[in-house]
Amino acid sequence: MKNPRKDVYAWLTAAGFNVAKQGQNVFNDLPTITYYIASQVHELTLDNEIGNARIAVQIDIWSEEAGSDMLEQIEAIFRTHNYTLTFSADVPNIDSDLNHISARFETTA
């Protein structure tokens, strides 16, 4: 079985991003990315083996700037690993000066 959480962490940190685990929304360095595996569904072969795994990854970008440049970089990284951007939203945050973008990537193969 694939461990997408470990893979995603490796991809994002290799690109130089500051990455924190989802739920740890207390961080000192900006910009920061938090993420979690939103869904992992296995399709079985006739031999009852895992033939394919459909995976969805939820990414949150926290920054003092708009964050759209980071989203473009992240999208390019995920595309090289056969994921496609299926959702993206600018999340309003009236209680803070932080900008927050939420995005979802899903496997294509």
Protein backbone atom coordinates (compact mmCIF):
# COMPACT_ATOMS: atom_id res chain seq x y z
CA MET A 1 0.00 0.00 0.00
CA LYS A 2 1.27 3.46 -0.86
CA ASN A 3 2.03 5.97 1.85
CA PRO A 4 1.02 9.23 0.15
CA ARG A 5 1.50 11.31 3.30
CA LYS A 6 5.22 10.57 3.34
CA ASP A 7 5.50 11.16 -0.43
CA VAL A 8 3.73 14.54 -0.29
CA TYR A 9 5.93 15.69 2.59
CA ALA A 10 9.06 14.71 0.65
CA TRP A 11 7.91 16.50 -2.53
CA LEU A 12 7.04 19.75 -0.73
CA THR A 13 10.12 19.90 1.50
CA ALA A 14 12.41 19.05 -1.45
CA ALA A 15 10.99 22.11 -3.20
CA GLY A 16 11.99 24.25 -0.20
CA PHE A 17 8.56 24.82 1.32
CA ASN A 18 8.00 25.04 5.07
CA VAL A 19 5.58 22.17 5.79
CA ALA A 20 3.60 21.48 8.98
CA LYS A 21 1.25 18.60 9.68
CA GLN A 22 -2.46 19.38 9.39
CA GLY A 23 -3.91 20.27 12.74
CA GLN A 24 -0.72 22.02 13.78
CA ASN A 25 -1.95 25.41 12.66
CA VAL A 26 0.46 27.07 15.07
CA PHE A 27 3.60 27.88 13.16
CA ASN A 28 6.27 30.55 13.41
CA ASP A 29 7.56 30.68 9.85
CA LEU A 30 5.59 31.98 6.88
CA PRO A 31 4.73 30.94 4.32
CA THR A 32 3.73 27.50 5.59
CA ILE A 33 1.90 24.62 3.96
CA THR A 34 -0.32 22.22 5.90
CA TYR A 35 -1.81 19.12 4.31
CA TYR A 36 -3.64 15.88 4.91
CA ILE A 37 -4.77 12.88 2.90
CA ALA A 38 -8.45 13.60 2.34
CA SER A 39 -9.21 10.25 0.70
CA GLN A 40 -7.45 7.03 -0.26
CA VAL A 41 -9.57 4.44 -2.05
CA HIS A 42 -8.15 1.16 -3.33
CA GLU A 43 -9.39 -0.67 -6.38
CA LEU A 44 -8.72 -4.40 -6.28
CA THR A 45 -7.70 -6.69 -9.11
CA LEU A 46 -9.42 -10.02 -9.76
CA ASP A 47 -6.65 -11.62 -7.66
CA ASN A 48 -7.68 -9.44 -4.70
CA GLU A 49 -4.52 -7.34 -4.95
CA ILE A 50 -4.38 -3.53 -4.92
CA GLY A 51 -4.51 -2.54 -8.56
CA ASN A 52 -4.92 1.20 -8.22
CA ALA A 53 -5.24 3.73 -5.45
CA ARG A 54 -7.27 6.89 -5.93
CA ILE A 55 -5.84 9.51 -3.61
CA ALA A 56 -6.96 13.03 -2.75
CA VAL A 57 -4.63 15.43 -0.93
CA GLN A 58 -5.86 18.59 0.77
CA ILE A 59 -3.29 21.41 0.81
CA ASP A 60 -3.55 24.68 2.75
CA ILE A 61 -1.21 27.58 2.05
CA TRP A 62 -0.73 30.16 4.80
CA SER A 63 1.16 33.31 3.91
CA GLU A 64 1.44 37.05 4.34
CA GLU A 65 1.35 37.41 0.55
CA ALA A 66 -1.39 36.24 -1.81
CA GLY A 67 0.00 32.69 -2.14
CA SER A 68 -1.05 32.15 -5.75
CA ASP A 69 2.58 31.86 -6.89
CA MET A 70 3.07 29.07 -4.36
CA LEU A 71 -0.05 27.32 -5.60
CA GLU A 72 1.34 27.39 -9.15
CA GLN A 73 4.59 25.80 -7.96
CA ILE A 74 2.74 23.16 -5.94
CA GLU A 75 0.46 22.38 -8.88
CA ALA A 76 3.50 21.79 -11.11
CA ILE A 77 5.03 19.46 -8.50
CA PHE A 78 1.85 17.43 -8.13
CA ARG A 79 1.34 17.23 -11.91
CA THR A 80 4.75 15.53 -12.25
CA HIS A 81 3.45 12.86 -9.83
CA ASN A 82 0.19 12.29 -11.76
CA TYR A 83 -2.08 14.44 -9.60
CA THR A 84 -4.40 17.10 -10.93
CA LEU A 85 -5.73 20.20 -9.18
CA THR A 86 -9.46 19.58 -8.68
CA PHE A 87 -10.31 22.43 -6.30
CA SER A 88 -8.84 25.73 -5.19
CA ALA A 89 -10.30 28.52 -3.04
CA ASP A 90 -9.17 31.73 -1.45
CA VAL A 91 -10.41 31.34 2.13
CA PRO A 92 -11.46 34.59 3.82
CA ASN A 93 -9.82 35.20 7.19
CA ILE A 94 -11.25 38.39 8.69
CA ASP A 95 -9.54 37.92 12.08
CA SER A 96 -6.01 37.86 10.72
CA ASP A 97 -3.67 39.36 8.15
CA LEU A 98 -2.78 35.86 6.97
CA ASN A 99 -3.80 34.81 3.49
CA HIS A 100 -5.15 31.28 3.20
CA ILE A 101 -5.55 29.22 0.04
CA SER A 102 -7.11 25.77 0.21
CA ALA A 103 -6.57 23.32 -2.66
CA ARG A 104 -7.24 19.69 -3.44
CA PHE A 105 -5.24 17.39 -5.70
CA GLU A 106 -6.39 13.98 -6.92
CA THR A 107 -4.53 11.18 -8.66
CA THR A 108 -5.00 10.87 -12.42
CA ALA A 109 -3.61 7.37 -12.89
